[in-house]
Protein backbone atom coordinates (compact mmCIF):
# COMPACT_ATOMS: atom_id res chain seq x y z
CA MET A 1 112.78 95.36 68.49
CA ASN A 2 110.48 94.24 71.35
CA ARG A 3 113.38 94.48 73.81
CA LYS A 4 114.03 98.07 72.77
CA ILE A 5 110.38 99.01 73.15
CA ILE A 6 110.16 97.56 76.65
CA LEU A 7 113.44 99.16 77.64
CA ALA A 8 112.26 102.54 76.37
CA ILE A 9 109.08 102.32 78.46
CA ALA A 10 111.02 101.28 81.56
CA LEU A 11 113.66 104.05 81.17
CA SER A 12 111.02 106.72 80.61
CA THR A 13 110.60 106.89 84.38
CA VAL A 14 114.36 107.13 84.91
CA PHE A 15 114.83 110.27 82.80
CA SER A 16 111.56 111.98 83.66
CA ALA A 17 111.26 114.83 86.07
CA SER A 18 110.89 114.63 89.87
CA ASP A 19 107.67 113.08 91.20
CA SER A 20 107.27 110.97 88.13
CA TYR A 21 106.34 107.94 90.23
CA CYS A 22 107.66 104.50 89.41
CA ALA A 23 105.55 101.51 88.77
CA PHE A 24 104.90 99.19 91.73
CA GLN A 25 101.29 98.92 90.69
CA ASN A 26 99.02 96.40 92.31
CA PRO A 27 98.19 94.17 89.32
CA GLY A 28 95.93 91.94 91.39
CA TRP A 29 97.93 89.61 93.62
CA SER A 30 95.11 87.14 94.35
CA ALA A 31 93.27 84.90 91.90
CA ARG A 32 90.40 84.70 94.29
CA ALA A 33 90.11 88.46 94.69
CA GLU A 34 90.50 89.26 90.97
CA GLY A 35 87.78 86.77 90.07
CA MET A 36 85.53 89.24 91.94
CA GLY A 37 86.90 92.38 90.33
CA GLY A 38 89.56 92.94 93.00
CA VAL A 39 87.09 93.02 95.91
CA PHE A 40 89.10 91.93 98.97
CA CYS A 41 89.57 94.93 101.33
CA ALA A 42 86.70 93.94 103.64
CA ALA A 43 86.72 90.20 102.96
CA GLY A 44 89.89 88.53 104.29
CA CYS A 45 89.36 85.18 102.60
CA ASP A 46 92.94 83.86 102.39
CA ALA A 47 96.58 84.74 103.02
CA SER A 48 96.83 86.91 99.95
CA SER A 49 94.71 89.48 101.79
CA LEU A 50 98.08 90.91 102.92
CA PHE A 51 98.29 92.69 99.54
CA TYR A 52 94.91 94.35 99.94
CA ASN A 53 94.36 94.98 103.67
CA PRO A 54 96.81 93.65 106.33
CA ALA A 55 94.03 93.75 108.94
CA ALA A 56 91.98 91.22 107.01
CA ILE A 57 94.31 88.33 107.97
CA ARG A 58 92.71 88.38 111.42
CA GLU A 59 89.67 86.80 109.86
CA LEU A 60 91.64 83.59 109.22
CA ASP A 61 91.54 80.88 111.87
CA SER A 62 94.20 78.46 110.61
CA PRO A 63 97.74 78.76 109.14
CA GLU A 64 97.75 79.22 105.36
CA LEU A 65 100.17 79.26 102.42
CA VAL A 66 99.19 80.73 99.01
CA LEU A 67 101.21 80.37 95.81
CA MET A 68 100.09 82.33 92.71
CA GLY A 69 101.20 82.81 89.11
CA PHE A 70 99.78 85.50 86.78
CA LYS A 71 100.14 85.80 82.98
CA PRO A 72 98.72 89.14 81.73
CA TYR A 73 97.50 89.78 78.19
CA MET A 74 98.09 86.26 76.97
CA GLY A 75 98.56 86.14 73.19
CA LEU A 76 99.57 89.79 72.86
CA SER A 77 102.53 89.96 70.54
CA GLY A 78 105.86 90.97 72.20
CA VAL A 79 104.49 90.91 75.78
CA GLU A 80 105.98 88.18 77.93
CA TRP A 81 105.37 89.56 81.41
CA LYS A 82 105.25 87.34 84.47
CA TYR A 83 103.81 88.03 87.91
CA TYR A 84 104.15 85.65 90.89
CA GLN A 85 103.69 85.76 94.67
CA PHE A 86 103.61 83.64 97.77
CA SER A 87 101.99 84.63 101.04
CA ALA A 88 101.72 82.89 104.40
CA VAL A 89 99.70 83.57 107.55
CA TYR A 90 99.94 82.13 111.05
CA PRO A 91 97.09 83.12 113.38
CA LYS A 92 97.27 83.00 117.17
CA ASP A 93 94.66 83.76 119.79
CA SER A 94 95.55 87.47 120.21
CA PHE A 95 97.82 88.15 117.21
CA THR A 96 98.17 87.03 113.57
CA MET A 97 101.53 87.05 111.78
CA GLY A 98 102.08 87.02 108.04
CA MET A 99 104.65 87.44 105.32
CA ALA A 100 104.57 87.67 101.54
CA TYR A 101 106.74 88.12 98.49
CA SER A 102 105.71 89.36 95.03
CA GLY A 103 107.73 89.67 91.85
CA PHE A 104 107.35 91.10 88.35
CA ASP A 105 109.59 90.20 85.37
CA ALA A 106 109.33 91.99 82.01
CA GLN A 107 111.33 89.59 79.82
CA GLY A 108 114.42 90.05 82.02
CA ILE A 109 114.71 93.73 81.05
CA TYR A 110 112.88 95.18 84.04
CA THR A 111 112.06 93.48 87.40
CA GLU A 112 110.26 94.48 90.58
CA ASN A 113 110.31 92.74 93.95
CA SER A 114 108.34 93.32 97.19
CA LEU A 115 108.80 91.67 100.56
CA LEU A 116 106.21 92.12 103.32
CA PHE A 117 106.24 91.26 107.06
CA SER A 118 102.79 91.75 108.57
CA GLY A 119 100.94 91.61 111.86
CA ALA A 120 97.33 92.10 112.95
CA PHE A 121 95.35 92.15 116.20
CA THR A 122 91.80 92.79 117.38
CA ARG A 123 90.46 95.61 119.56
CA GLY A 124 86.76 95.21 120.28
CA ALA A 125 84.98 94.80 116.96
CA VAL A 126 87.88 96.25 114.94
CA ASP A 127 90.78 94.30 113.40
CA ILE A 128 93.97 96.40 112.95
CA GLY A 129 96.96 95.39 110.91
CA GLY A 130 100.14 96.67 109.33
CA SER A 131 102.99 95.58 107.05
CA LEU A 132 106.64 96.57 106.75
CA LYS A 133 107.61 96.48 103.09
CA TYR A 134 110.91 96.29 101.24
CA LEU A 135 110.67 97.42 97.57
CA SER A 136 113.33 96.98 94.93
CA HIS A 137 113.56 97.16 91.14
CA SER A 138 116.28 96.87 88.56
CA TYR A 139 116.93 97.54 84.86
CA SER A 140 118.99 95.59 82.38
CA LEU A 141 120.73 98.57 80.78
CA PRO A 142 122.50 98.47 77.41
CA HIS A 143 126.28 98.65 77.55
CA GLU A 144 126.37 102.15 75.99
CA MET A 145 124.06 103.57 78.72
CA GLN A 146 125.79 102.11 81.79
CA PRO A 147 128.31 104.99 82.13
CA PHE A 148 125.41 107.41 82.80
CA PHE A 149 124.27 105.55 85.92
CA ASP A 150 125.91 104.73 89.21
CA SER A 151 123.69 101.69 89.51
CA ASN A 152 120.99 99.89 87.58
CA GLU A 153 118.88 99.11 90.66
CA ALA A 154 117.27 100.86 93.67
CA SER A 155 115.38 99.92 96.81
CA ASP A 156 113.69 101.42 99.88
CA PHE A 157 111.41 100.63 102.81
CA THR A 158 107.78 101.64 103.29
CA ALA A 159 104.72 100.40 105.24
CA ASP A 160 101.00 99.57 104.90
CA LEU A 161 98.24 100.06 107.44
CA GLY A 162 94.68 98.69 107.50
CA ALA A 163 91.53 98.20 109.55
CA LEU A 164 88.48 95.96 109.20
CA VAL A 165 85.23 96.28 111.08
CA ASN A 166 82.53 93.61 111.25
CA ILE A 167 79.48 95.86 111.57
CA ASN A 168 77.23 92.89 112.26
CA ARG A 169 76.92 89.27 111.14
CA THR A 170 76.21 90.38 107.54
CA PHE A 171 78.17 93.55 106.78
CA ALA A 172 81.84 94.43 107.08
CA ALA A 173 83.92 97.45 106.10
CA GLY A 174 87.63 97.76 105.45
CA PHE A 175 90.17 100.53 104.89
CA SER A 176 93.85 100.40 104.02
CA VAL A 177 96.73 102.64 103.00
CA GLU A 178 99.64 101.24 101.03
CA ASN A 179 103.09 102.83 100.92
CA ILE A 180 102.26 105.22 103.72
CA ILE A 181 105.94 106.09 104.23
CA PRO A 182 107.60 107.81 101.18
CA ALA A 183 109.92 105.40 99.40
CA ASP A 184 112.40 106.77 96.86
CA VAL A 185 113.43 104.10 94.39
CA GLY A 186 114.80 106.41 91.70
CA ILE A 187 118.00 105.46 89.87
CA LYS A 188 118.85 108.84 88.30
CA TYR A 189 116.28 111.21 89.84
CA GLU A 190 113.84 111.11 92.78
CA ASP A 191 111.17 108.55 92.11
CA ASN A 192 108.70 108.11 95.00
CA VAL A 193 106.32 105.16 95.15
CA PRO A 194 102.74 106.48 95.21
CA SER A 195 100.46 105.80 98.12
CA ILE A 196 97.32 103.80 97.51
CA TYR A 197 94.12 104.34 99.54
CA ARG A 198 91.60 101.50 99.47
CA MET A 199 88.10 101.31 100.94
CA GLY A 200 85.84 98.28 100.74
CA PHE A 201 82.43 97.03 101.85
CA ALA A 202 81.32 93.40 101.93
CA ALA A 203 78.06 91.49 102.63
CA LYS A 204 78.14 87.89 103.74
CA SER A 205 75.37 85.33 103.90
CA PRO A 206 75.82 81.72 105.21
CA GLU A 207 73.12 80.44 102.85
CA LEU A 208 71.29 81.80 99.79
CA GLY A 209 69.21 79.30 97.90
CA VAL A 210 71.44 76.37 96.87
CA PHE A 211 74.61 78.35 97.67
CA GLN A 212 76.64 78.65 100.91
CA ASN A 213 79.00 81.30 102.14
CA VAL A 214 77.85 83.91 99.64
CA LEU A 215 80.02 87.05 99.54
CA SER A 216 79.48 90.26 97.64
CA GLY A 217 81.25 93.58 97.84
CA VAL A 218 82.74 96.72 96.35
CA ASP A 219 86.26 98.24 96.57
CA MET A 220 87.27 101.78 95.76
CA ILE A 221 90.95 102.71 95.16
CA TYR A 222 92.71 106.06 94.96
CA ARG A 223 96.36 106.22 93.84
CA THR A 224 98.39 109.40 94.43
CA GLN A 225 99.99 109.70 90.99
CA ASP A 226 100.35 112.50 88.46
CA TRP A 227 99.47 110.44 85.42
CA GLY A 228 96.61 108.23 84.29
CA ASP A 229 93.42 107.60 86.27
CA LYS A 230 93.86 108.14 89.99
CA LEU A 231 90.52 106.63 90.95
CA SER A 232 89.34 103.08 90.23
CA TRP A 233 86.82 100.66 91.62
CA GLY A 234 85.57 97.07 91.39
CA ILE A 235 82.45 95.15 92.27
CA GLY A 236 81.99 91.38 92.52
CA ALA A 237 80.61 88.32 94.28
CA GLU A 238 81.37 84.68 95.02
CA ALA A 239 79.24 81.71 96.08
CA TRP A 240 80.11 78.15 97.23
CA PHE A 241 78.13 74.99 96.66
CA ALA A 242 78.54 71.18 96.64
CA ASP A 243 79.13 71.13 100.42
CA LYS A 244 81.53 74.15 100.12
CA THR A 245 83.93 72.35 97.85
CA LEU A 246 83.25 74.36 94.68
CA ALA A 247 82.90 78.15 94.12
CA VAL A 248 82.07 80.48 91.27
CA ARG A 249 82.90 84.18 91.03
CA CYS A 250 82.16 87.17 88.85
CA GLY A 251 83.19 90.79 88.89
CA TYR A 252 83.54 94.04 87.04
CA SER A 253 86.10 96.84 87.38
CA VAL A 254 87.03 99.95 85.41
CA ALA A 255 89.76 97.98 83.63
CA SER A 256 88.31 94.48 83.05
CA ILE A 257 85.48 91.95 83.19
CA ASN A 258 86.32 89.18 85.58
CA MET A 259 85.23 85.64 86.49
CA GLY A 260 86.68 82.76 88.47
CA ALA A 261 86.20 79.43 90.17
CA SER A 262 87.62 77.37 93.00
CA PHE A 263 87.88 73.76 94.14
CA VAL A 264 88.84 72.60 97.66
CA VAL A 265 89.09 69.14 99.09
CA LYS A 266 86.54 68.03 101.64
CA ASP A 267 88.64 68.88 104.72
CA GLN A 268 89.55 72.36 103.28
CA SER A 269 93.28 71.59 103.55
CA VAL A 270 94.10 72.15 99.82
CA GLY A 271 92.39 74.46 97.35
CA LEU A 272 92.84 75.57 93.72
CA ASP A 273 91.72 79.04 92.58
CA TYR A 274 91.53 80.35 89.01
CA SER A 275 90.50 83.69 87.58
CA PHE A 276 90.12 85.16 84.10
CA SER A 277 90.20 88.88 83.34
CA LEU A 278 89.24 90.36 80.00
CA PRO A 279 90.82 93.83 79.65
CA LEU A 280 88.48 96.54 78.37
CA GLU A 281 91.13 98.86 76.88
CA ILE A 282 93.71 96.44 75.41
CA GLN A 283 92.74 94.31 72.42
CA ASP A 284 94.26 91.51 70.40
CA ASN A 285 94.82 89.24 73.44
CA SER A 286 93.08 86.31 75.15
CA GLY A 287 92.91 87.93 78.56
CA SER A 288 94.85 87.66 81.78
CA HIS A 289 94.98 84.36 83.67
CA ARG A 290 95.73 83.76 87.37
CA ILE A 291 96.04 80.41 89.10
CA GLN A 292 96.91 79.80 92.73
CA MET A 293 97.18 77.00 95.20
CA VAL A 294 96.04 77.36 98.82
CA PHE A 295 97.32 75.14 101.61
CA ARG A 296 95.67 75.22 105.06
CA PHE A 297 97.23 73.70 108.13
CA ALA A 298 94.47 73.52 110.74
CA PRO A 299 95.67 73.55 114.36
CA PRO A 300 93.89 71.54 117.10
CA LYS A 301 90.60 73.19 117.93
CA GLU A 302 88.70 73.30 121.18
CA PHE A 303 85.76 70.98 121.60
CA VAL A 304 82.79 71.87 119.28
CA LEU A 305 79.47 70.17 119.39
CA PRO A 306 78.74 68.37 116.08
CA GLU A 307 75.92 69.58 113.96
CA ASN A 308 73.98 66.43 114.65
CA LEU A 309 73.80 66.01 118.43
CA ASP A 310 72.72 62.38 117.97
CA GLY A 311 76.39 61.61 117.35
CA ILE A 312 77.39 62.34 121.00
CA LYS A 313 78.30 59.15 122.87
CA VAL A 314 77.66 59.29 126.59
CA PRO A 315 78.49 56.30 128.87
CA LEU A 316 75.25 54.97 130.29
CA ARG A 317 74.81 54.08 133.96
CA GLN A 318 74.15 50.41 134.66
CA LYS A 319 71.33 49.85 137.17
CA THR A 320 72.06 47.31 139.89
CA THR A 321 69.12 44.96 140.38
CA GLN A 322 68.46 42.19 142.88
CA THR A 323 69.47 39.54 140.34
CA ASP A 324 72.91 41.07 139.81
CA LYS A 325 75.78 39.42 141.59
CA ALA A 326 78.59 41.67 142.64
CA PRO A 327 81.80 40.05 141.33
CA VAL A 328 84.89 39.86 143.49
CA VAL A 329 87.50 42.14 141.87
CA LYS A 330 91.08 42.42 142.93
CA GLU A 331 92.12 45.13 140.46
CA ALA A 332 91.20 48.78 140.69
CA ALA A 333 88.49 49.94 138.29
CA PRO A 334 89.90 51.77 135.19
CA ILE A 335 90.20 55.51 135.55
CA LEU A 336 88.23 57.49 132.97
CA LYS A 337 89.81 60.57 131.47
CA SER A 338 87.08 63.17 131.34
CA GLU A 339 88.96 65.28 128.76
CA ASP A 340 88.65 62.38 126.31
CA ILE A 341 84.87 62.65 126.48
CA TYR A 342 83.92 66.27 127.16
CA PRO A 343 85.49 69.76 127.08
CA ASP A 344 87.59 70.97 129.91
CA ASP A 345 84.95 73.53 130.88
CA ILE A 346 83.03 70.72 132.64
CA GLU A 347 84.02 69.72 136.14
CA THR A 348 86.52 66.88 136.10
CA ALA A 349 85.11 63.53 136.97
CA VAL A 350 86.11 61.84 140.26
CA THR A 351 88.90 59.46 139.42
CA GLU A 352 89.07 57.59 142.73
CA PRO A 353 88.11 53.91 142.33
CA ALA A 354 84.81 52.88 143.84
CA PRO A 355 85.16 51.11 147.22
CA ALA A 356 83.42 48.04 145.85
CA ALA A 357 85.94 47.84 143.00
CA ILE A 358 89.00 47.48 145.26
CA LYS A 359 87.41 45.35 147.99
CA LYS A 360 89.57 42.33 148.55
CA ALA A 361 88.08 38.94 147.87
CA GLU A 362 87.27 36.91 150.95
CA PRO A 363 89.03 33.53 151.40
CA GLU A 364 87.39 30.60 149.70
CA THR A 365 86.74 28.84 153.02
CA GLU A 366 84.82 31.79 154.34
CA LYS A 367 82.40 32.20 151.46
CA VAL A 368 78.75 32.00 152.26
CA ALA A 369 75.73 31.51 150.08
CA PRO A 370 74.62 34.71 148.32
CA THR A 371 71.72 36.45 149.83
CA VAL A 372 69.20 38.82 148.24
CA THR A 373 70.24 42.39 148.93
CA ALA A 374 68.76 45.81 148.21
CA PRO A 375 69.83 47.63 145.03
CA ALA A 376 73.33 49.08 145.30
CA GLU A 377 73.73 52.81 145.89
CA ILE A 378 74.90 55.01 143.04
CA SER A 379 78.65 55.59 143.29
CA ASP A 380 80.40 58.98 143.11
CA MET A 381 81.58 58.10 139.64
CA ASP A 382 77.96 57.47 138.45
CA GLU A 383 76.90 60.78 139.91
CA GLU A 384 79.65 62.66 138.08
CA ILE A 385 78.77 61.00 134.79
CA ARG A 386 75.15 61.98 135.33
CA LYS A 387 76.22 65.59 135.84
CA MET A 388 78.25 65.56 132.66
CA GLU A 389 75.37 64.09 130.64
CA GLU A 390 73.15 66.91 131.85
CA ALA A 391 75.80 69.52 131.01
CA ILE A 392 76.04 68.32 127.46
CA LEU A 393 72.46 67.22 126.64
CA GLY A 394 70.46 69.24 129.14
CA ALA A 395 68.64 68.05 132.23
CA PRO A 396 66.66 64.81 131.73
CA GLU A 397 63.59 66.40 133.19
CA ALA A 398 63.50 68.98 130.42
CA PRO A 399 59.83 69.36 129.41
CA ALA A 400 60.42 69.50 125.66
CA LYS A 401 62.43 66.76 123.95
CA MET A 402 64.32 67.96 120.89
CA ASP A 403 63.86 66.20 117.59
CA SER A 404 66.70 65.61 115.12
CA ALA A 405 66.12 68.89 113.28
CA ALA A 406 66.18 70.92 116.48
CA LYS A 407 69.37 69.21 117.63
CA ALA A 408 71.06 69.91 114.34
CA LYS A 409 70.03 73.57 114.50
CA ALA A 410 71.30 73.87 118.08
CA GLY A 411 74.59 72.26 117.12
CA ALA A 412 75.07 74.67 114.25
CA HIS A 413 74.56 77.70 116.57
CA PHE A 414 76.93 76.18 119.12
CA ASN A 415 79.60 75.58 116.49
CA LYS A 416 79.34 79.14 115.17
CA ALA A 417 79.44 80.61 118.72
CA THR A 418 82.59 78.65 119.55
CA GLU A 419 84.36 79.91 116.37
CA LEU A 420 83.35 83.53 117.14
CA TYR A 421 84.55 83.11 120.71
CA LYS A 422 87.99 81.93 119.49
CA GLN A 423 88.24 85.04 117.28
CA GLY A 424 87.56 87.32 120.23
CA LYS A 425 84.06 88.28 118.99
CA TYR A 426 82.43 87.70 122.36
CA LYS A 427 79.18 89.62 121.75
CA GLU A 428 78.42 87.74 118.54
CA ALA A 429 79.31 84.44 120.29
CA ILE A 430 76.88 85.22 123.15
CA ALA A 431 74.14 85.84 120.62
CA GLU A 432 74.71 82.39 119.05
CA TRP A 433 74.73 80.60 122.46
CA GLN A 434 71.45 82.40 123.27
CA GLU A 435 70.00 80.85 120.11
CA VAL A 436 70.97 77.44 121.49
CA LEU A 437 69.15 78.23 124.74
CA LYS A 438 66.02 79.18 122.79
CA ILE A 439 66.02 75.64 121.44
CA ASN A 440 67.13 73.90 124.63
CA PRO A 441 66.79 76.20 127.68
CA ASP A 442 68.54 73.62 129.89
CA HIS A 443 71.80 73.43 127.90
CA LYS A 444 74.22 74.19 130.75
CA LEU A 445 77.31 74.34 128.61
CA SER A 446 75.93 77.31 126.61
CA LYS A 447 75.08 79.08 129.87
CA GLN A 448 78.59 78.56 131.18
CA LYS A 449 80.11 79.83 127.89
CA ILE A 450 77.85 82.94 128.01
CA GLN A 451 79.05 83.72 131.53
CA LYS A 452 82.68 83.30 130.54
CA ALA A 453 82.26 85.56 127.44
CA ARG A 454 80.55 88.26 129.52
CA SER A 455 83.34 88.17 132.08
CA LEU A 456 85.90 88.74 129.30
CA ILE A 457 83.88 91.65 127.92
CA ASP A 458 83.65 93.21 131.40
CA SER A 459 87.41 92.77 131.92
CA LYS A 460 88.07 94.93 128.87
């Protein structure tokens, strides 16, 4: 009986008139997003953003893989539907690539599949992205109905477009259009997949009380269909705590009440997301449950100052006094690799051995008693090390010496500026480096970075 009911619902679109519109609904392809009521258009939090706004994947700074399973209306008699998806993103300096697959199975009677290939880039303060999509669906027709159909499956291509704007450090806005190209997946009659217009706004805060990385937002969705509600919306928020390893979420939409949680390991390489949605219109069930795994593969990053600048280790110069005896050395002094100590923005240290280090030892018979000499002059190597110390820590003659709190604050601004610079957000990066200079006006590396960012802005 249940099989007949499901088949009747599925075939209702087959025998209906033109412009009936097939399914291919967006049931909520992200556990993280649905825990916030489906708010994801202006967020771009993980690889599953591909299903909400392809431009949002530009917000990611490391390769990601997301695997999700979704069981709707658990406990509802006769409904054994399954949703599943995987999505992957690989960001580069100027372009981000992504791909995703989603599937829906209604007890083997009706199935849907979507395959996406996506790309996104940045122009000024705007992220722009798009996806090429392949859609297919199939029916398991009874034997007596098969003669009426040439096939029990259909497929077509379409595309998505999206944009995301970071208005400032706090607010962002996103817009996307799904199925912008008409896709006819009808088996008997014309059956075009409806377009979906989505607009979202998000507010972000690095800290709020005991929470970190607080996100709140709202999404509005319009679906070009001739049945049901065309307009829907959702509102929600998430907040992280416990050193950004745990998160809680809540949300509300026109169809459900939502909540969720996340756990990630300390290095952010693996995460687990869960969401629960309680439908408002369907009863006699224990809600819909989504669970997903997130894997992040962080690439090598450019040098970033630690939050606590006390952790920087700088080789100290040894002063030569009258009591020091210059040893006779036959081997050349070891060559220091400056890139092992400091970023490549700093002038490379002189690698030639000091003359005193390669001076040949005099014959034993010609040795004379040591005499008191004046302090040795500072070598070229010592001078270069001194320059590098000043570039990192500021000039030693700086009038105000930073305490630990000031150093930590300066390091945090420098870290954030470097991440913004890598994302092509040069104006925001300059603002963060200027905050470093307010704390330590002699921080040469921040000055150099500001000049480089301004030159890139001017070149555009």
